[in-house]
Every structure is written in structure tokens, then in C-alpha cells.
Amino acid sequence: APGKEREFVAAISWSSSITDYADSVKGRFTISR
């Protein structure tokens, strides 16, 4: 964001078996591949 450092949002393993989210976006964002 403007004036802020880059922050983690979401991650996913190659098989989609593992995902992780920043607390600020949990329940709202979904990562997939």
C-alpha cells in the first residue's frame, strides 16, 4: 500500500494441499491455482 512496506497476503503449495493467509484477509480472500 502507499507509504507502507510490502506485506504477506496468501500462500499456496504446489499441490494446493496447504494454504495460508494473513490475519487481515482470513475469511475474505481465497488463494487457488
Full PDB file with SEQRES, HELIX, SHEET, SSBOND, CRYST1, ORIGX, SCALE, CONECT and MASTER records, all heavy atoms in Angstrom:
SEQRES   1 A   33  ALA PRO GLY LYS GLU ARG GLU PHE VAL ALA ALA ILE SER          
SEQRES   2 A   33  TRP SER SER SER ILE THR ASP TYR ALA ASP SER VAL LYS          
SEQRES   3 A   33  GLY ARG PHE THR ILE SER ARG                                  
SHEET    1 AA1 2 ALA A  10  ILE A  12  0                                        
SHEET    2 AA1 2 THR A  19  TYR A  21 -1                                        
CRYST1    1.000    1.000    1.000  90.00  90.00  90.00 P 1           1          
ORIGX1      1.000000  0.000000  0.000000        0.00000                         
ORIGX2      0.000000  1.000000  0.000000        0.00000                         
ORIGX3      0.000000  0.000000  1.000000        0.00000                         
SCALE1      1.000000  0.000000  0.000000        0.00000                         
SCALE2      0.000000  1.000000  0.000000        0.00000                         
SCALE3      0.000000  0.000000  1.000000        0.00000                         
ATOM      1  N   ALA A   1       0.837  -1.184   0.000  1.00  0.00           N  
ATOM      2  CA  ALA A   1       0.000   0.000   0.000  1.00  0.00           C  
ATOM      3  C   ALA A   1       0.881   1.246   0.000  1.00  0.00           C  
ATOM      4  O   ALA A   1       2.043   1.193   0.405  1.00  0.00           O  
ATOM      5  CB  ALA A   1      -0.917  -0.001   1.217  1.00  0.00           C  
ATOM      6  N   PRO A   2       0.341   2.380  -0.429  1.00  0.00           N  
ATOM      7  CA  PRO A   2       1.118   3.616  -0.438  1.00  0.00           C  
ATOM      8  C   PRO A   2       1.687   3.937   0.938  1.00  0.00           C  
ATOM      9  O   PRO A   2       0.964   3.924   1.936  1.00  0.00           O  
ATOM     10  CB  PRO A   2       0.096   4.674  -0.869  1.00  0.00           C  
ATOM     11  CG  PRO A   2      -0.887   3.911  -1.689  1.00  0.00           C  
ATOM     12  CD  PRO A   2      -1.013   2.582  -0.989  1.00  0.00           C  
ATOM     13  N   GLY A   3       2.979   4.205   0.988  1.00  0.00           N  
ATOM     14  CA  GLY A   3       3.622   4.557   2.238  1.00  0.00           C  
ATOM     15  C   GLY A   3       3.886   3.406   3.184  1.00  0.00           C  
ATOM     16  O   GLY A   3       4.346   3.637   4.309  1.00  0.00           O  
ATOM     17  N   LYS A   4       3.613   2.187   2.765  1.00  0.00           N  
ATOM     18  CA  LYS A   4       3.823   1.029   3.619  1.00  0.00           C  
ATOM     19  C   LYS A   4       4.752   0.021   2.950  1.00  0.00           C  
ATOM     20  O   LYS A   4       4.942   0.032   1.737  1.00  0.00           O  
ATOM     21  CB  LYS A   4       2.497   0.355   3.954  1.00  0.00           C  
ATOM     22  CG  LYS A   4       1.548   1.207   4.786  1.00  0.00           C  
ATOM     23  CD  LYS A   4       0.318   0.414   5.177  1.00  0.00           C  
ATOM     24  CE  LYS A   4      -0.602   1.227   6.066  1.00  0.00           C  
ATOM     25  NZ  LYS A   4      -1.801   0.442   6.469  1.00  0.00           N  
ATOM     26  N   GLU A   5       5.296  -0.873   3.767  1.00  0.00           N  
ATOM     27  CA  GLU A   5       6.147  -1.931   3.248  1.00  0.00           C  
ATOM     28  C   GLU A   5       5.287  -3.059   2.685  1.00  0.00           C  
ATOM     29  O   GLU A   5       4.126  -3.212   3.039  1.00  0.00           O  
ATOM     30  CB  GLU A   5       7.058  -2.471   4.351  1.00  0.00           C  
ATOM     31  CG  GLU A   5       8.063  -1.462   4.879  1.00  0.00           C  
ATOM     32  CD  GLU A   5       9.003  -2.058   5.901  1.00  0.00           C  
ATOM     33  OE1 GLU A   5       8.790  -3.209   6.322  1.00  0.00           O  
ATOM     34  OE2 GLU A   5       9.963  -1.369   6.276  1.00  0.00           O  
ATOM     35  N   ARG A   6       5.888  -3.836   1.815  1.00  0.00           N  
ATOM     36  CA  ARG A   6       5.181  -4.973   1.253  1.00  0.00           C  
ATOM     37  C   ARG A   6       4.848  -5.977   2.354  1.00  0.00           C  
ATOM     38  O   ARG A   6       5.671  -6.251   3.233  1.00  0.00           O  
ATOM     39  CB  ARG A   6       6.029  -5.633   0.169  1.00  0.00           C  
ATOM     40  CG  ARG A   6       5.307  -6.722  -0.603  1.00  0.00           C  
ATOM     41  CD  ARG A   6       6.158  -7.254  -1.749  1.00  0.00           C  
ATOM     42  NE  ARG A   6       6.473  -6.231  -2.727  1.00  0.00           N  
ATOM     43  CZ  ARG A   6       7.086  -6.473  -3.888  1.00  0.00           C  
ATOM     44  NH1 ARG A   6       7.439  -7.716  -4.205  1.00  0.00           N  
ATOM     45  NH2 ARG A   6       7.346  -5.473  -4.711  1.00  0.00           N  
ATOM     46  N   GLU A   7       3.642  -6.537   2.306  1.00  0.00           N  
ATOM     47  CA  GLU A   7       3.215  -7.481   3.316  1.00  0.00           C  
ATOM     48  C   GLU A   7       2.653  -8.750   2.694  1.00  0.00           C  
ATOM     49  O   GLU A   7       2.091  -8.741   1.597  1.00  0.00           O  
ATOM     50  CB  GLU A   7       2.163  -6.849   4.242  1.00  0.00           C  
ATOM     51  CG  GLU A   7       0.867  -6.481   3.546  1.00  0.00           C  
ATOM     52  CD  GLU A   7      -0.186  -5.938   4.492  1.00  0.00           C  
ATOM     53  OE1 GLU A   7      -0.002  -6.033   5.719  1.00  0.00           O  
ATOM     54  OE2 GLU A   7      -1.205  -5.409   3.995  1.00  0.00           O  
ATOM     55  N   PHE A   8       2.775  -9.828   3.430  1.00  0.00           N  
ATOM     56  CA  PHE A   8       2.259 -11.120   3.009  1.00  0.00           C  
ATOM     57  C   PHE A   8       0.742 -11.111   2.988  1.00  0.00           C  
ATOM     58  O   PHE A   8       0.103 -10.555   3.881  1.00  0.00           O  
ATOM     59  CB  PHE A   8       2.761 -12.196   3.970  1.00  0.00           C  
ATOM     60  CG  PHE A   8       2.021 -13.502   3.871  1.00  0.00           C  
ATOM     61  CD1 PHE A   8       2.300 -14.400   2.855  1.00  0.00           C  
ATOM     62  CD2 PHE A   8       1.051 -13.829   4.800  1.00  0.00           C  
ATOM     63  CE1 PHE A   8       1.627 -15.603   2.761  1.00  0.00           C  
ATOM     64  CE2 PHE A   8       0.366 -15.032   4.723  1.00  0.00           C  
ATOM     65  CZ  PHE A   8       0.662 -15.920   3.700  1.00  0.00           C  
ATOM     66  N   VAL A   9       0.161 -11.750   1.977  1.00  0.00           N  
ATOM     67  CA  VAL A   9      -1.287 -11.855   1.871  1.00  0.00           C  
ATOM     68  C   VAL A   9      -1.745 -13.310   1.936  1.00  0.00           C  
ATOM     69  O   VAL A   9      -2.583 -13.675   2.757  1.00  0.00           O  
ATOM     70  CB  VAL A   9      -1.811 -11.217   0.571  1.00  0.00           C  
ATOM     71  CG1 VAL A   9      -3.310 -11.456   0.415  1.00  0.00           C  
ATOM     72  CG2 VAL A   9      -1.515  -9.721   0.562  1.00  0.00           C  
ATOM     73  N   ALA A  10      -1.204 -14.149   1.055  1.00  0.00           N  
ATOM     74  CA  ALA A  10      -1.637 -15.540   0.993  1.00  0.00           C  
ATOM     75  C   ALA A  10      -0.577 -16.385   0.322  1.00  0.00           C  
ATOM     76  O   ALA A  10       0.230 -15.890  -0.461  1.00  0.00           O  
ATOM     77  CB  ALA A  10      -2.962 -15.659   0.235  1.00  0.00           C  
ATOM     78  N   ALA A  11      -0.586 -17.682   0.618  1.00  0.00           N  
ATOM     79  CA  ALA A  11       0.369 -18.607   0.025  1.00  0.00           C  
ATOM     80  C   ALA A  11      -0.300 -19.946  -0.239  1.00  0.00           C  
ATOM     81  O   ALA A  11      -1.281 -20.306   0.422  1.00  0.00           O  
ATOM     82  CB  ALA A  11       1.571 -18.798   0.942  1.00  0.00           C  
ATOM     83  N   ILE A  12       0.253 -20.688  -1.195  1.00  0.00           N  
ATOM     84  CA  ILE A  12      -0.302 -21.985  -1.553  1.00  0.00           C  
ATOM     85  C   ILE A  12       0.821 -22.916  -2.005  1.00  0.00           C  
ATOM     86  O   ILE A  12       1.754 -22.494  -2.692  1.00  0.00           O  
ATOM     87  CB  ILE A  12      -1.383 -21.827  -2.649  1.00  0.00           C  
ATOM     88  CG1 ILE A  12      -2.114 -23.142  -2.904  1.00  0.00           C  
ATOM     89  CG2 ILE A  12      -0.773 -21.272  -3.937  1.00  0.00           C  
ATOM     90  CD1 ILE A  12      -3.369 -22.967  -3.758  1.00  0.00           C  
ATOM     91  N   SER A  13       0.733 -24.175  -1.602  1.00  0.00           N  
ATOM     92  CA  SER A  13       1.718 -25.161  -2.017  1.00  0.00           C  
ATOM     93  C   SER A  13       1.446 -25.601  -3.451  1.00  0.00           C  
ATOM     94  O   SER A  13       0.386 -25.320  -4.014  1.00  0.00           O  
ATOM     95  CB  SER A  13       1.696 -26.365  -1.075  1.00  0.00           C  
ATOM     96  OG  SER A  13       0.453 -27.047  -1.144  1.00  0.00           O  
ATOM     97  N   TRP A  14       2.394 -26.327  -4.023  1.00  0.00           N  
ATOM     98  CA  TRP A  14       2.261 -26.698  -5.442  1.00  0.00           C  
ATOM     99  C   TRP A  14       1.041 -27.571  -5.705  1.00  0.00           C  
ATOM    100  O   TRP A  14       0.452 -27.517  -6.793  1.00  0.00           O  
ATOM    101  CB  TRP A  14       3.530 -27.406  -5.917  1.00  0.00           C  
ATOM    102  CG  TRP A  14       3.695 -28.799  -5.391  1.00  0.00           C  
ATOM    103  CD1 TRP A  14       4.343 -29.183  -4.257  1.00  0.00           C  
ATOM    104  CD2 TRP A  14       3.202 -30.010  -5.992  1.00  0.00           C  
ATOM    105  NE1 TRP A  14       4.286 -30.545  -4.097  1.00  0.00           N  
ATOM    106  CE2 TRP A  14       3.596 -31.076  -5.154  1.00  0.00           C  
ATOM    107  CE3 TRP A  14       2.476 -30.289  -7.143  1.00  0.00           C  
ATOM    108  CZ2 TRP A  14       3.272 -32.404  -5.437  1.00  0.00           C  
ATOM    109  CZ3 TRP A  14       2.160 -31.611  -7.423  1.00  0.00           C  
ATOM    110  CH2 TRP A  14       2.560 -32.644  -6.582  1.00  0.00           C  
ATOM    111  N   SER A  15       0.672 -28.391  -4.725  1.00  0.00           N  
ATOM    112  CA  SER A  15      -0.455 -29.301  -4.894  1.00  0.00           C  
ATOM    113  C   SER A  15      -1.769 -28.719  -4.373  1.00  0.00           C  
ATOM    114  O   SER A  15      -2.804 -29.386  -4.448  1.00  0.00           O  
ATOM    115  CB  SER A  15      -0.178 -30.614  -4.173  1.00  0.00           C  
ATOM    116  OG  SER A  15      -0.098 -30.417  -2.774  1.00  0.00           O  
ATOM    117  N   SER A  16      -1.733 -27.513  -3.841  1.00  0.00           N  
ATOM    118  CA  SER A  16      -2.887 -26.847  -3.228  1.00  0.00           C  
ATOM    119  C   SER A  16      -3.303 -27.500  -1.920  1.00  0.00           C  
ATOM    120  O   SER A  16      -4.369 -27.185  -1.388  1.00  0.00           O  
ATOM    121  CB  SER A  16      -4.085 -26.808  -4.181  1.00  0.00           C  
ATOM    122  OG  SER A  16      -3.783 -26.081  -5.352  1.00  0.00           O  
ATOM    123  N   SER A  17      -2.474 -28.396  -1.397  1.00  0.00           N  
ATOM    124  CA  SER A  17      -2.819 -29.088  -0.162  1.00  0.00           C  
ATOM    125  C   SER A  17      -2.643 -28.208   1.070  1.00  0.00           C  
ATOM    126  O   SER A  17      -3.214 -28.495   2.122  1.00  0.00           O  
ATOM    127  CB  SER A  17      -1.978 -30.352  -0.009  1.00  0.00           C  
ATOM    128  OG  SER A  17      -0.597 -30.048   0.067  1.00  0.00           O  
ATOM    129  N   ILE A  18      -1.854 -27.151   0.939  1.00  0.00           N  
ATOM    130  CA  ILE A  18      -1.599 -26.254   2.057  1.00  0.00           C  
ATOM    131  C   ILE A  18      -1.808 -24.818   1.612  1.00  0.00           C  
ATOM    132  O   ILE A  18      -1.314 -24.412   0.562  1.00  0.00           O  
ATOM    133  CB  ILE A  18      -0.165 -26.401   2.599  1.00  0.00           C  
ATOM    134  CG1 ILE A  18       0.150 -27.861   2.930  1.00  0.00           C  
ATOM    135  CG2 ILE A  18       0.034 -25.528   3.833  1.00  0.00           C  
ATOM    136  CD1 ILE A  18       1.600 -28.102   3.287  1.00  0.00           C  
ATOM    137  N   THR A  19      -2.536 -24.064   2.403  1.00  0.00           N  
ATOM    138  CA  THR A  19      -2.708 -22.636   2.154  1.00  0.00           C  
ATOM    139  C   THR A  19      -2.523 -21.877   3.451  1.00  0.00           C  
ATOM    140  O   THR A  19      -2.661 -22.431   4.538  1.00  0.00           O  
ATOM    141  CB  THR A  19      -4.093 -22.311   1.571  1.00  0.00           C  
ATOM    142  OG1 THR A  19      -5.113 -22.776   2.463  1.00  0.00           O  
ATOM    143  CG2 THR A  19      -4.283 -22.970   0.215  1.00  0.00           C  
ATOM    144  N   ASP A  20      -2.221 -20.600   3.322  1.00  0.00           N  
ATOM    145  CA  ASP A  20      -2.044 -19.756   4.491  1.00  0.00           C  
ATOM    146  C   ASP A  20      -2.448 -18.338   4.120  1.00  0.00           C  
ATOM    147  O   ASP A  20      -2.303 -17.926   2.963  1.00  0.00           O  
ATOM    148  CB  ASP A  20      -0.589 -19.788   4.968  1.00  0.00           C  
ATOM    149  CG  ASP A  20      -0.408 -19.150   6.335  1.00  0.00           C  
ATOM    150  OD1 ASP A  20      -1.368 -19.145   7.124  1.00  0.00           O  
ATOM    151  OD2 ASP A  20       0.710 -18.659   6.621  1.00  0.00           O  
ATOM    152  N   TYR A  21      -2.952 -17.605   5.120  1.00  0.00           N  
ATOM    153  CA  TYR A  21      -3.429 -16.254   4.881  1.00  0.00           C  
ATOM    154  C   TYR A  21      -3.009 -15.318   5.996  1.00  0.00           C  
ATOM    155  O   TYR A  21      -2.866 -15.722   7.154  1.00  0.00           O  
ATOM    156  CB  TYR A  21      -4.960 -16.224   4.802  1.00  0.00           C  
ATOM    157  CG  TYR A  21      -5.544 -17.071   3.712  1.00  0.00           C  
ATOM    158  CD1 TYR A  21      -5.897 -18.397   3.949  1.00  0.00           C  
ATOM    159  CD2 TYR A  21      -5.744 -16.549   2.440  1.00  0.00           C  
ATOM    160  CE1 TYR A  21      -6.434 -19.182   2.945  1.00  0.00           C  
ATOM    161  CE2 TYR A  21      -6.283 -17.326   1.430  1.00  0.00           C  
ATOM    162  CZ  TYR A  21      -6.625 -18.643   1.687  1.00  0.00           C  
ATOM    163  OH  TYR A  21      -7.162 -19.414   0.684  1.00  0.00           O  
ATOM    164  N   ALA A  22      -2.829 -14.067   5.634  1.00  0.00           N  
ATOM    165  CA  ALA A  22      -2.626 -13.052   6.645  1.00  0.00           C  
ATOM    166  C   ALA A  22      -3.918 -12.899   7.440  1.00  0.00           C  
ATOM    167  O   ALA A  22      -5.016 -13.062   6.902  1.00  0.00           O  
ATOM    168  CB  ALA A  22      -2.248 -11.722   5.999  1.00  0.00           C  
ATOM    169  N   ASP A  23      -3.795 -12.585   8.712  1.00  0.00           N  
ATOM    170  CA  ASP A  23      -4.977 -12.443   9.556  1.00  0.00           C  
ATOM    171  C   ASP A  23      -5.952 -11.397   9.010  1.00  0.00           C  
ATOM    172  O   ASP A  23      -7.171 -11.542   9.146  1.00  0.00           O  
ATOM    173  CB  ASP A  23      -4.573 -12.059  10.980  1.00  0.00           C  
ATOM    174  CG  ASP A  23      -3.918 -13.201  11.730  1.00  0.00           C  
ATOM    175  OD1 ASP A  23      -4.092 -14.367  11.326  1.00  0.00           O  
ATOM    176  OD2 ASP A  23      -3.231 -12.933  12.733  1.00  0.00           O  
ATOM    177  N   SER A  24      -5.426 -10.381   8.385  1.00  0.00           N  
ATOM    178  CA  SER A  24      -6.257  -9.293   7.896  1.00  0.00           C  
ATOM    179  C   SER A  24      -7.181  -9.689   6.750  1.00  0.00           C  
ATOM    180  O   SER A  24      -8.154  -8.985   6.474  1.00  0.00           O  
ATOM    181  CB  SER A  24      -5.376  -8.118   7.459  1.00  0.00           C  
ATOM    182  OG  SER A  24      -4.486  -8.503   6.428  1.00  0.00           O  
ATOM    183  N   VAL A  25      -6.888 -10.812   6.087  1.00  0.00           N  
ATOM    184  CA  VAL A  25      -7.704 -11.210   4.940  1.00  0.00           C  
ATOM    185  C   VAL A  25      -8.397 -12.548   5.139  1.00  0.00           C  
ATOM    186  O   VAL A  25      -9.171 -12.968   4.260  1.00  0.00           O  
ATOM    187  CB  VAL A  25      -6.870 -11.255   3.644  1.00  0.00           C  
ATOM    188  CG1 VAL A  25      -6.166  -9.928   3.409  1.00  0.00           C  
ATOM    189  CG2 VAL A  25      -5.862 -12.403   3.680  1.00  0.00           C  
ATOM    190  N   LYS A  26      -8.172 -13.219   6.252  1.00  0.00           N  
ATOM    191  CA  LYS A  26      -8.807 -14.508   6.502  1.00  0.00           C  
ATOM    192  C   LYS A  26     -10.326 -14.383   6.472  1.00  0.00           C  
ATOM    193  O   LYS A  26     -10.896 -13.465   7.049  1.00  0.00           O  
ATOM    194  CB  LYS A  26      -8.360 -15.075   7.850  1.00  0.00           C  
ATOM    195  CG  LYS A  26      -6.957 -15.621   7.862  1.00  0.00           C  
ATOM    196  CD  LYS A  26      -6.594 -16.210   9.219  1.00  0.00           C  
ATOM    197  CE  LYS A  26      -5.194 -16.785   9.213  1.00  0.00           C  
ATOM    198  NZ  LYS A  26      -4.810 -17.328  10.535  1.00  0.00           N  
ATOM    199  N   GLY A  27     -10.951 -15.323   5.792  1.00  0.00           N  
ATOM    200  CA  GLY A  27     -12.397 -15.308   5.671  1.00  0.00           C  
ATOM    201  C   GLY A  27     -12.903 -14.470   4.524  1.00  0.00           C  
ATOM    202  O   GLY A  27     -14.091 -14.556   4.174  1.00  0.00           O  
ATOM    203  N   ARG A  28     -12.041 -13.668   3.938  1.00  0.00           N  
ATOM    204  CA  ARG A  28     -12.442 -12.809   2.824  1.00  0.00           C  
ATOM    205  C   ARG A  28     -11.734 -13.163   1.519  1.00  0.00           C  
ATOM    206  O   ARG A  28     -12.327 -13.063   0.449  1.00  0.00           O  
ATOM    207  CB  ARG A  28     -12.166 -11.338   3.155  1.00  0.00           C  
ATOM    208  CG  ARG A  28     -12.924 -10.823   4.366  1.00  0.00           C  
ATOM    209  CD  ARG A  28     -12.781  -9.312   4.521  1.00  0.00           C  
ATOM    210  NE  ARG A  28     -11.391  -8.910   4.725  1.00  0.00           N  
ATOM    211  CZ  ARG A  28     -10.705  -8.101   3.914  1.00  0.00           C  
ATOM    212  NH1 ARG A  28     -11.296  -7.614   2.819  1.00  0.00           N  
ATOM    213  NH2 ARG A  28      -9.460  -7.776   4.183  1.00  0.00           N  
ATOM    214  N   PHE A  29     -10.474 -13.555   1.609  1.00  0.00           N  
ATOM    215  CA  PHE A  29      -9.682 -13.879   0.423  1.00  0.00           C  
ATOM    216  C   PHE A  29      -9.470 -15.387   0.320  1.00  0.00           C  
ATOM    217  O   PHE A  29      -9.360 -16.084   1.333  1.00  0.00           O  
ATOM    218  CB  PHE A  29      -8.309 -13.208   0.489  1.00  0.00           C  
ATOM    219  CG  PHE A  29      -8.317 -11.710   0.335  1.00  0.00           C  
ATOM    220  CD1 PHE A  29      -9.489 -10.978   0.365  1.00  0.00           C  
ATOM    221  CD2 PHE A  29      -7.116 -11.039   0.162  1.00  0.00           C  
ATOM    222  CE1 PHE A  29      -9.491  -9.601   0.230  1.00  0.00           C  
ATOM    223  CE2 PHE A  29      -7.097  -9.659   0.022  1.00  0.00           C  
ATOM    224  CZ  PHE A  29      -8.278  -8.937   0.056  1.00  0.00           C  
ATOM    225  N   THR A  30      -9.377 -15.881  -0.904  1.00  0.00           N  
ATOM    226  CA  THR A  30      -9.102 -17.287  -1.149  1.00  0.00           C  
ATOM    227  C   THR A  30      -8.056 -17.417  -2.246  1.00  0.00           C  
ATOM    228  O   THR A  30      -8.226 -16.871  -3.335  1.00  0.00           O  
ATOM    229  CB  THR A  30     -10.366 -18.048  -1.576  1.00  0.00           C  
ATOM    230  OG1 THR A  30     -11.373 -17.928  -0.567  1.00  0.00           O  
ATOM    231  CG2 THR A  30     -10.047 -19.531  -1.780  1.00  0.00           C  
ATOM    232  N   ILE A  31      -6.986 -18.142  -1.947  1.00  0.00           N  
ATOM    233  CA  ILE A  31      -5.961 -18.399  -2.943  1.00  0.00           C  
ATOM    234  C   ILE A  31      -6.186 -19.786  -3.538  1.00  0.00           C  
ATOM    235  O   ILE A  31      -6.548 -20.724  -2.826  1.00  0.00           O  
ATOM    236  CB  ILE A  31      -4.541 -18.279  -2.337  1.00  0.00           C  
ATOM    237  CG1 ILE A  31      -3.473 -18.373  -3.435  1.00  0.00           C  
ATOM    238  CG2 ILE A  31      -4.311 -19.326  -1.257  1.00  0.00           C  
ATOM    239  CD1 ILE A  31      -2.064 -18.046  -2.939  1.00  0.00           C  
ATOM    240  N   SER A  32      -5.994 -19.906  -4.829  1.00  0.00           N  
ATOM    241  CA  SER A  32      -6.153 -21.188  -5.509  1.00  0.00           C  
ATOM    242  C   SER A  32      -5.233 -21.218  -6.717  1.00  0.00           C  
ATOM    243  O   SER A  32      -4.632 -20.207  -7.075  1.00  0.00           O  
ATOM    244  CB  SER A  32      -7.617 -21.407  -5.928  1.00  0.00           C  
ATOM    245  OG  SER A  32      -8.039 -20.417  -6.844  1.00  0.00           O  
ATOM    246  N   ARG A  33      -5.133 -22.380  -7.339  1.00  0.00           N  
ATOM    247  CA  ARG A  33      -4.282 -22.476  -8.518  1.00  0.00           C  
ATOM    248  C   ARG A  33      -4.795 -23.529  -9.469  1.00  0.00           C  
ATOM    249  O   ARG A  33      -5.476 -24.482  -9.081  1.00  0.00           O  
ATOM    250  CB  ARG A  33      -2.833 -22.773  -8.113  1.00  0.00           C  
ATOM    251  CG  ARG A  33      -2.606 -24.127  -7.454  1.00  0.00           C  
ATOM    252  CD  ARG A  33      -1.217 -24.203  -6.817  1.00  0.00           C  
ATOM    253  NE  ARG A  33      -0.155 -24.050  -7.798  1.00  0.00           N  
ATOM    254  CZ  ARG A  33       1.121 -23.828  -7.499  1.00  0.00           C  
ATOM    255  NH1 ARG A  33       1.489 -23.708  -6.224  1.00  0.00           N  
ATOM    256  NH2 ARG A  33       2.029 -23.703  -8.460  1.00  0.00           N  
TER     257      ARG A  33                                                      
MASTER        0    0    0    0    2    0    0    6  256    1    0    3          
END                                                                             
